[in-house]
Amino acid sequence: MSNAQQNIPKELIYEMVAGRPIYYRGYKDYLKGEKQIDELIGSSSLQSLIITRLVYFLMSNLDNEYVVLTNEIGLQFKDKGWRAADIAIVEKEKLKGVKKSNKYLSIPPKVVIEIDTKAELEEVQDSFGYFHKKTDQLLEFGVEKVIWIFTDSEKIMISEKNKDWQILNWSREINLIDDLKIDLETLIE
């Protein structure tokens, strides 16, 4: 770890990839004394609305065989890297052997839903590549479907292993899991 990284509080690490931290967007403002940590890690009102409505919808409509986890759940990879997920849908059966603890989840969810990102993309050479790399890592980890919701462009990207990725408008109905479908535009009205 470089001297500069030693001065950055660990609370500002959003994700860890191949031993390299990815910091929360705006972490440099914290280092300059212009913002507090809480200002960097919070969600926008639109992100919060989407997450709240999606979680409510999922919990009201999913079979009892699933658990819906949220709040930037950490997903621990074998290489000591980890990624955060806004919403993870996990099969209850897979959780039976997992001890309830303050550790990150080490089993892959069936579906991960991400709303934008809180990662500092300014330091990433290809910011769109961040979304691709994270999606690829989640799919390699064993996640069956990754859904990205982008609030600025009002687009949804759906990625499944060994299938063509799709980019759709918010107004399009999408399949979240097991033929449970939503139209995001209607859901957040």
C-alpha atoms as a PDB file:
ATOM      1  CA  MET A   1       0.000   0.000   0.000  1.00  0.00           C
ATOM      2  CA  SER A   2       1.403   3.404  -0.928  1.00  0.00           C
ATOM      3  CA  ASN A   3       1.804   6.247   1.583  1.00  0.00           C
ATOM      4  CA  ALA A   4      -1.139   8.038  -0.003  1.00  0.00           C
ATOM      5  CA  GLN A   5      -3.332   4.955   0.470  1.00  0.00           C
ATOM      6  CA  GLN A   6      -2.259   4.661   4.127  1.00  0.00           C
ATOM      7  CA  ASN A   7      -3.837   8.074   4.817  1.00  0.00           C
ATOM      8  CA  ILE A   8      -7.201   7.033   3.373  1.00  0.00           C
ATOM      9  CA  PRO A   9      -9.541   5.556   5.999  1.00  0.00           C
ATOM     10  CA  LYS A  10     -10.645   2.000   5.274  1.00  0.00           C
ATOM     11  CA  GLU A  11     -14.269   3.184   5.524  1.00  0.00           C
ATOM     12  CA  LEU A  12     -13.721   4.895   2.179  1.00  0.00           C
ATOM     13  CA  ILE A  13     -12.948   1.614   0.387  1.00  0.00           C
ATOM     14  CA  TYR A  14     -16.013   0.740  -1.674  1.00  0.00           C
ATOM     15  CA  GLU A  15     -14.690  -2.507  -3.178  1.00  0.00           C
ATOM     16  CA  MET A  16     -11.458  -4.472  -3.392  1.00  0.00           C
ATOM     17  CA  VAL A  17     -10.315  -5.932  -6.703  1.00  0.00           C
ATOM     18  CA  ALA A  18      -7.139  -8.025  -6.978  1.00  0.00           C
ATOM     19  CA  GLY A  19      -5.758  -6.425  -3.819  1.00  0.00           C
ATOM     20  CA  ARG A  20      -6.395  -2.908  -5.151  1.00  0.00           C
ATOM     21  CA  PRO A  21      -8.955  -0.698  -3.412  1.00  0.00           C
ATOM     22  CA  ILE A  22     -11.691   1.072  -5.294  1.00  0.00           C
ATOM     23  CA  TYR A  23     -12.707   4.085  -3.254  1.00  0.00           C
ATOM     24  CA  TYR A  24     -16.040   5.802  -2.827  1.00  0.00           C
ATOM     25  CA  ARG A  25     -16.683   8.561  -5.346  1.00  0.00           C
ATOM     26  CA  GLY A  26     -15.575  11.872  -3.877  1.00  0.00           C
ATOM     27  CA  TYR A  27     -13.063  10.417  -1.416  1.00  0.00           C
ATOM     28  CA  LYS A  28     -10.604  13.166  -2.404  1.00  0.00           C
ATOM     29  CA  ASP A  29     -13.094  15.741  -1.094  1.00  0.00           C
ATOM     30  CA  TYR A  30     -12.897  13.973   2.267  1.00  0.00           C
ATOM     31  CA  LEU A  31      -9.079  14.080   2.174  1.00  0.00           C
ATOM     32  CA  LYS A  32      -9.254  17.843   1.493  1.00  0.00           C
ATOM     33  CA  GLY A  33     -11.620  18.283   4.460  1.00  0.00           C
ATOM     34  CA  GLU A  34     -14.507  19.344   2.229  1.00  0.00           C
ATOM     35  CA  LYS A  35     -16.847  16.425   2.963  1.00  0.00           C
ATOM     36  CA  GLN A  36     -17.550  13.905   5.707  1.00  0.00           C
ATOM     37  CA  ILE A  37     -17.562  10.145   5.109  1.00  0.00           C
ATOM     38  CA  ASP A  38     -21.347   9.985   5.514  1.00  0.00           C
ATOM     39  CA  GLU A  39     -21.767  12.408   2.615  1.00  0.00           C
ATOM     40  CA  LEU A  40     -19.874  10.052   0.300  1.00  0.00           C
ATOM     41  CA  ILE A  41     -21.469   6.729   1.136  1.00  0.00           C
ATOM     42  CA  GLY A  42     -25.113   7.802   1.062  1.00  0.00           C
ATOM     43  CA  SER A  43     -27.562   7.190  -1.768  1.00  0.00           C
ATOM     44  CA  SER A  44     -29.508   9.780  -3.730  1.00  0.00           C
ATOM     45  CA  SER A  45     -33.249  10.030  -3.139  1.00  0.00           C
ATOM     46  CA  LEU A  46     -33.902   8.406  -6.547  1.00  0.00           C
ATOM     47  CA  GLN A  47     -31.529   5.513  -5.820  1.00  0.00           C
ATOM     48  CA  SER A  48     -33.161   5.033  -2.430  1.00  0.00           C
ATOM     49  CA  LEU A  49     -36.655   5.084  -3.953  1.00  0.00           C
ATOM     50  CA  ILE A  50     -35.695   2.474  -6.550  1.00  0.00           C
ATOM     51  CA  ILE A  51     -34.080   0.192  -3.969  1.00  0.00           C
ATOM     52  CA  THR A  52     -36.983   0.548  -1.528  1.00  0.00           C
ATOM     53  CA  ARG A  53     -39.631  -0.171  -4.162  1.00  0.00           C
ATOM     54  CA  LEU A  54     -37.675  -3.090  -5.636  1.00  0.00           C
ATOM     55  CA  VAL A  55     -37.088  -4.695  -2.241  1.00  0.00           C
ATOM     56  CA  TYR A  56     -40.756  -4.281  -1.297  1.00  0.00           C
ATOM     57  CA  PHE A  57     -41.850  -5.710  -4.654  1.00  0.00           C
ATOM     58  CA  LEU A  58     -39.462  -8.653  -4.379  1.00  0.00           C
ATOM     59  CA  MET A  59     -40.373  -9.485  -0.799  1.00  0.00           C
ATOM     60  CA  SER A  60     -44.088  -9.268  -1.603  1.00  0.00           C
ATOM     61  CA  ASN A  61     -43.905 -11.423  -4.725  1.00  0.00           C
ATOM     62  CA  LEU A  62     -41.020 -13.875  -4.430  1.00  0.00           C
ATOM     63  CA  ASP A  63     -41.492 -17.452  -3.395  1.00  0.00           C
ATOM     64  CA  ASN A  64     -40.406 -18.307   0.117  1.00  0.00           C
ATOM     65  CA  GLU A  65     -37.366 -20.106  -1.323  1.00  0.00           C
ATOM     66  CA  TYR A  66     -35.458 -16.794  -1.597  1.00  0.00           C
ATOM     67  CA  VAL A  67     -33.981 -14.212   0.755  1.00  0.00           C
ATOM     68  CA  VAL A  68     -33.592 -10.592  -0.362  1.00  0.00           C
ATOM     69  CA  LEU A  69     -30.466  -8.915   1.024  1.00  0.00           C
ATOM     70  CA  THR A  70     -29.647  -5.237   0.634  1.00  0.00           C
ATOM     71  CA  ASN A  71     -27.619  -2.340   2.074  1.00  0.00           C
ATOM     72  CA  GLU A  72     -24.485  -2.728  -0.049  1.00  0.00           C
ATOM     73  CA  ILE A  73     -23.992  -6.350   0.966  1.00  0.00           C
ATOM     74  CA  GLY A  74     -20.371  -7.408   0.553  1.00  0.00           C
ATOM     75  CA  LEU A  75     -19.714 -10.429  -1.674  1.00  0.00           C
ATOM     76  CA  GLN A  76     -16.395 -12.092  -0.792  1.00  0.00           C
ATOM     77  CA  PHE A  77     -14.452 -13.683  -3.633  1.00  0.00           C
ATOM     78  CA  LYS A  78     -11.847 -16.421  -3.134  1.00  0.00           C
ATOM     79  CA  ASP A  79      -8.990 -14.124  -4.217  1.00  0.00           C
ATOM     80  CA  LYS A  80      -9.582 -11.856  -1.171  1.00  0.00           C
ATOM     81  CA  GLY A  81     -11.316  -9.376  -3.422  1.00  0.00           C
ATOM     82  CA  TRP A  82     -14.870  -8.287  -2.779  1.00  0.00           C
ATOM     83  CA  ARG A  83     -17.666  -6.349  -4.391  1.00  0.00           C
ATOM     84  CA  ALA A  84     -20.688  -4.557  -2.972  1.00  0.00           C
ATOM     85  CA  ALA A  85     -24.260  -5.216  -4.121  1.00  0.00           C
ATOM     86  CA  ASP A  86     -27.302  -2.995  -3.675  1.00  0.00           C
ATOM     87  CA  ILE A  87     -29.715  -5.939  -3.773  1.00  0.00           C
ATOM     88  CA  ALA A  88     -28.899  -9.655  -3.742  1.00  0.00           C
ATOM     89  CA  ILE A  89     -31.474 -12.398  -4.169  1.00  0.00           C
ATOM     90  CA  VAL A  90     -30.170 -15.584  -2.564  1.00  0.00           C
ATOM     91  CA  GLU A  91     -31.671 -19.046  -2.470  1.00  0.00           C
ATOM     92  CA  LYS A  92     -32.547 -19.941   1.154  1.00  0.00           C
ATOM     93  CA  GLU A  93     -31.184 -23.430   0.611  1.00  0.00           C
ATOM     94  CA  LYS A  94     -27.698 -22.041  -0.087  1.00  0.00           C
ATOM     95  CA  LEU A  95     -27.789 -20.013   3.138  1.00  0.00           C
ATOM     96  CA  LYS A  96     -28.469 -23.033   5.381  1.00  0.00           C
ATOM     97  CA  GLY A  97     -24.780 -23.790   5.883  1.00  0.00           C
ATOM     98  CA  VAL A  98     -23.695 -20.167   6.174  1.00  0.00           C
ATOM     99  CA  LYS A  99     -23.157 -18.953   9.718  1.00  0.00           C
ATOM    100  CA  LYS A 100     -24.826 -15.644  10.541  1.00  0.00           C
ATOM    101  CA  SER A 101     -21.914 -13.313  11.196  1.00  0.00           C
ATOM    102  CA  ASN A 102     -20.459  -9.887  10.494  1.00  0.00           C
ATOM    103  CA  LYS A 103     -18.531 -11.301   7.520  1.00  0.00           C
ATOM    104  CA  TYR A 104     -19.203 -10.745   3.832  1.00  0.00           C
ATOM    105  CA  LEU A 105     -21.283 -13.315   1.982  1.00  0.00           C
ATOM    106  CA  SER A 106     -19.053 -15.967   0.413  1.00  0.00           C
ATOM    107  CA  ILE A 107     -21.710 -17.714  -1.684  1.00  0.00           C
ATOM    108  CA  PRO A 108     -23.054 -16.289  -4.921  1.00  0.00           C
ATOM    109  CA  PRO A 109     -26.564 -14.842  -4.982  1.00  0.00           C
ATOM    110  CA  LYS A 110     -28.807 -15.940  -7.809  1.00  0.00           C
ATOM    111  CA  VAL A 111     -29.428 -12.328  -8.873  1.00  0.00           C
ATOM    112  CA  VAL A 112     -27.616  -9.073  -8.108  1.00  0.00           C
ATOM    113  CA  ILE A 113     -29.294  -5.722  -8.777  1.00  0.00           C
ATOM    114  CA  GLU A 114     -27.144  -2.599  -8.860  1.00  0.00           C
ATOM    115  CA  ILE A 115     -28.370   0.983  -9.004  1.00  0.00           C
ATOM    116  CA  ASP A 116     -25.591   3.176 -10.417  1.00  0.00           C
ATOM    117  CA  THR A 117     -22.310   2.930  -8.498  1.00  0.00           C
ATOM    118  CA  LYS A 118     -20.696   4.726  -5.614  1.00  0.00           C
ATOM    119  CA  ALA A 119     -17.217   3.894  -6.931  1.00  0.00           C
ATOM    120  CA  GLU A 120     -14.751   6.636  -7.852  1.00  0.00           C
ATOM    121  CA  LEU A 121     -14.576   6.122 -11.611  1.00  0.00           C
ATOM    122  CA  GLU A 122     -12.348   9.126 -12.250  1.00  0.00           C
ATOM    123  CA  GLU A 123      -9.304   6.943 -11.569  1.00  0.00           C
ATOM    124  CA  VAL A 124     -10.480   4.060 -13.737  1.00  0.00           C
ATOM    125  CA  GLN A 125      -9.065   4.205 -17.256  1.00  0.00           C
ATOM    126  CA  ASP A 126     -12.302   3.033 -18.845  1.00  0.00           C
ATOM    127  CA  SER A 127     -15.232   3.943 -16.607  1.00  0.00           C
ATOM    128  CA  PHE A 128     -17.678   1.856 -18.659  1.00  0.00           C
ATOM    129  CA  GLY A 129     -15.175  -0.977 -18.253  1.00  0.00           C
ATOM    130  CA  TYR A 130     -15.761  -0.789 -14.488  1.00  0.00           C
ATOM    131  CA  PHE A 131     -19.354  -1.959 -15.021  1.00  0.00           C
ATOM    132  CA  HIS A 132     -18.225  -4.710 -17.398  1.00  0.00           C
ATOM    133  CA  LYS A 133     -15.463  -5.961 -15.110  1.00  0.00           C
ATOM    134  CA  LYS A 134     -17.688  -5.969 -12.031  1.00  0.00           C
ATOM    135  CA  THR A 135     -20.431  -7.764 -13.968  1.00  0.00           C
ATOM    136  CA  ASP A 136     -17.948 -10.345 -15.312  1.00  0.00           C
ATOM    137  CA  GLN A 137     -16.592 -10.951 -11.798  1.00  0.00           C
ATOM    138  CA  LEU A 138     -20.082 -11.448 -10.389  1.00  0.00           C
ATOM    139  CA  LEU A 139     -20.986 -13.888 -13.165  1.00  0.00           C
ATOM    140  CA  GLU A 140     -17.693 -15.782 -12.689  1.00  0.00           C
ATOM    141  CA  PHE A 141     -18.430 -15.910  -8.940  1.00  0.00           C
ATOM    142  CA  GLY A 142     -21.641 -17.793  -9.793  1.00  0.00           C
ATOM    143  CA  VAL A 143     -24.284 -15.066  -9.919  1.00  0.00           C
ATOM    144  CA  GLU A 144     -26.786 -16.090 -12.607  1.00  0.00           C
ATOM    145  CA  LYS A 145     -28.027 -12.606 -13.500  1.00  0.00           C
ATOM    146  CA  VAL A 146     -26.720  -9.085 -12.939  1.00  0.00           C
ATOM    147  CA  ILE A 147     -29.095  -6.166 -13.469  1.00  0.00           C
ATOM    148  CA  TRP A 148     -27.721  -2.617 -13.593  1.00  0.00           C
ATOM    149  CA  ILE A 149     -30.117   0.304 -13.296  1.00  0.00           C
ATOM    150  CA  PHE A 150     -28.640   3.608 -14.469  1.00  0.00           C
ATOM    151  CA  THR A 151     -30.528   6.646 -13.173  1.00  0.00           C
ATOM    152  CA  ASP A 152     -28.909   9.320 -15.361  1.00  0.00           C
ATOM    153  CA  SER A 153     -29.589   7.593 -18.685  1.00  0.00           C
ATOM    154  CA  GLU A 154     -32.738   5.756 -17.496  1.00  0.00           C
ATOM    155  CA  LYS A 155     -31.385   2.504 -18.915  1.00  0.00           C
ATOM    156  CA  ILE A 156     -31.217  -1.039 -17.586  1.00  0.00           C
ATOM    157  CA  MET A 157     -28.417  -3.466 -18.447  1.00  0.00           C
ATOM    158  CA  ILE A 158     -29.167  -7.167 -18.003  1.00  0.00           C
ATOM    159  CA  SER A 159     -26.299  -9.641 -18.027  1.00  0.00           C
ATOM    160  CA  GLU A 160     -26.433 -13.418 -17.818  1.00  0.00           C
ATOM    161  CA  LYS A 161     -23.596 -15.874 -18.256  1.00  0.00           C
ATOM    162  CA  ASN A 162     -23.307 -17.222 -21.811  1.00  0.00           C
ATOM    163  CA  LYS A 163     -26.021 -14.875 -23.097  1.00  0.00           C
ATOM    164  CA  ASP A 164     -25.866 -11.589 -24.959  1.00  0.00           C
ATOM    165  CA  TRP A 165     -26.127  -8.637 -22.619  1.00  0.00           C
ATOM    166  CA  GLN A 166     -29.104  -6.347 -23.117  1.00  0.00           C
ATOM    167  CA  ILE A 167     -29.532  -2.616 -22.604  1.00  0.00           C
ATOM    168  CA  LEU A 168     -33.146  -1.518 -22.315  1.00  0.00           C
ATOM    169  CA  ASN A 169     -35.159   1.597 -21.487  1.00  0.00           C
ATOM    170  CA  TRP A 170     -36.801   1.912 -18.074  1.00  0.00           C
ATOM    171  CA  SER A 171     -40.223   1.606 -19.674  1.00  0.00           C
ATOM    172  CA  ARG A 172     -39.523  -1.957 -20.841  1.00  0.00           C
ATOM    173  CA  GLU A 173     -40.760  -4.837 -18.743  1.00  0.00           C
ATOM    174  CA  ILE A 174     -37.893  -6.992 -17.499  1.00  0.00           C
ATOM    175  CA  ASN A 175     -37.707 -10.389 -15.858  1.00  0.00           C
ATOM    176  CA  LEU A 176     -36.058 -10.092 -12.448  1.00  0.00           C
ATOM    177  CA  ILE A 177     -36.129 -13.780 -11.502  1.00  0.00           C
ATOM    178  CA  ASP A 178     -38.313 -16.844 -12.177  1.00  0.00           C
ATOM    179  CA  ASP A 179     -40.689 -14.954 -14.504  1.00  0.00           C
ATOM    180  CA  LEU A 180     -41.237 -12.233 -11.889  1.00  0.00           C
ATOM    181  CA  LYS A 181     -41.398  -9.156 -14.107  1.00  0.00           C
ATOM    182  CA  ILE A 182     -41.373  -5.426 -13.503  1.00  0.00           C
ATOM    183  CA  ASP A 183     -41.636  -2.216 -15.425  1.00  0.00           C
ATOM    184  CA  LEU A 184     -39.289   0.071 -13.476  1.00  0.00           C
ATOM    185  CA  GLU A 185     -40.889   3.269 -14.767  1.00  0.00           C
ATOM    186  CA  THR A 186     -44.277   2.216 -13.389  1.00  0.00           C
ATOM    187  CA  LEU A 187     -42.777   0.826 -10.180  1.00  0.00           C
ATOM    188  CA  ILE A 188     -41.273   4.174  -9.166  1.00  0.00           C
ATOM    189  CA  GLU A 189     -44.198   6.427 -10.181  1.00  0.00           C
END
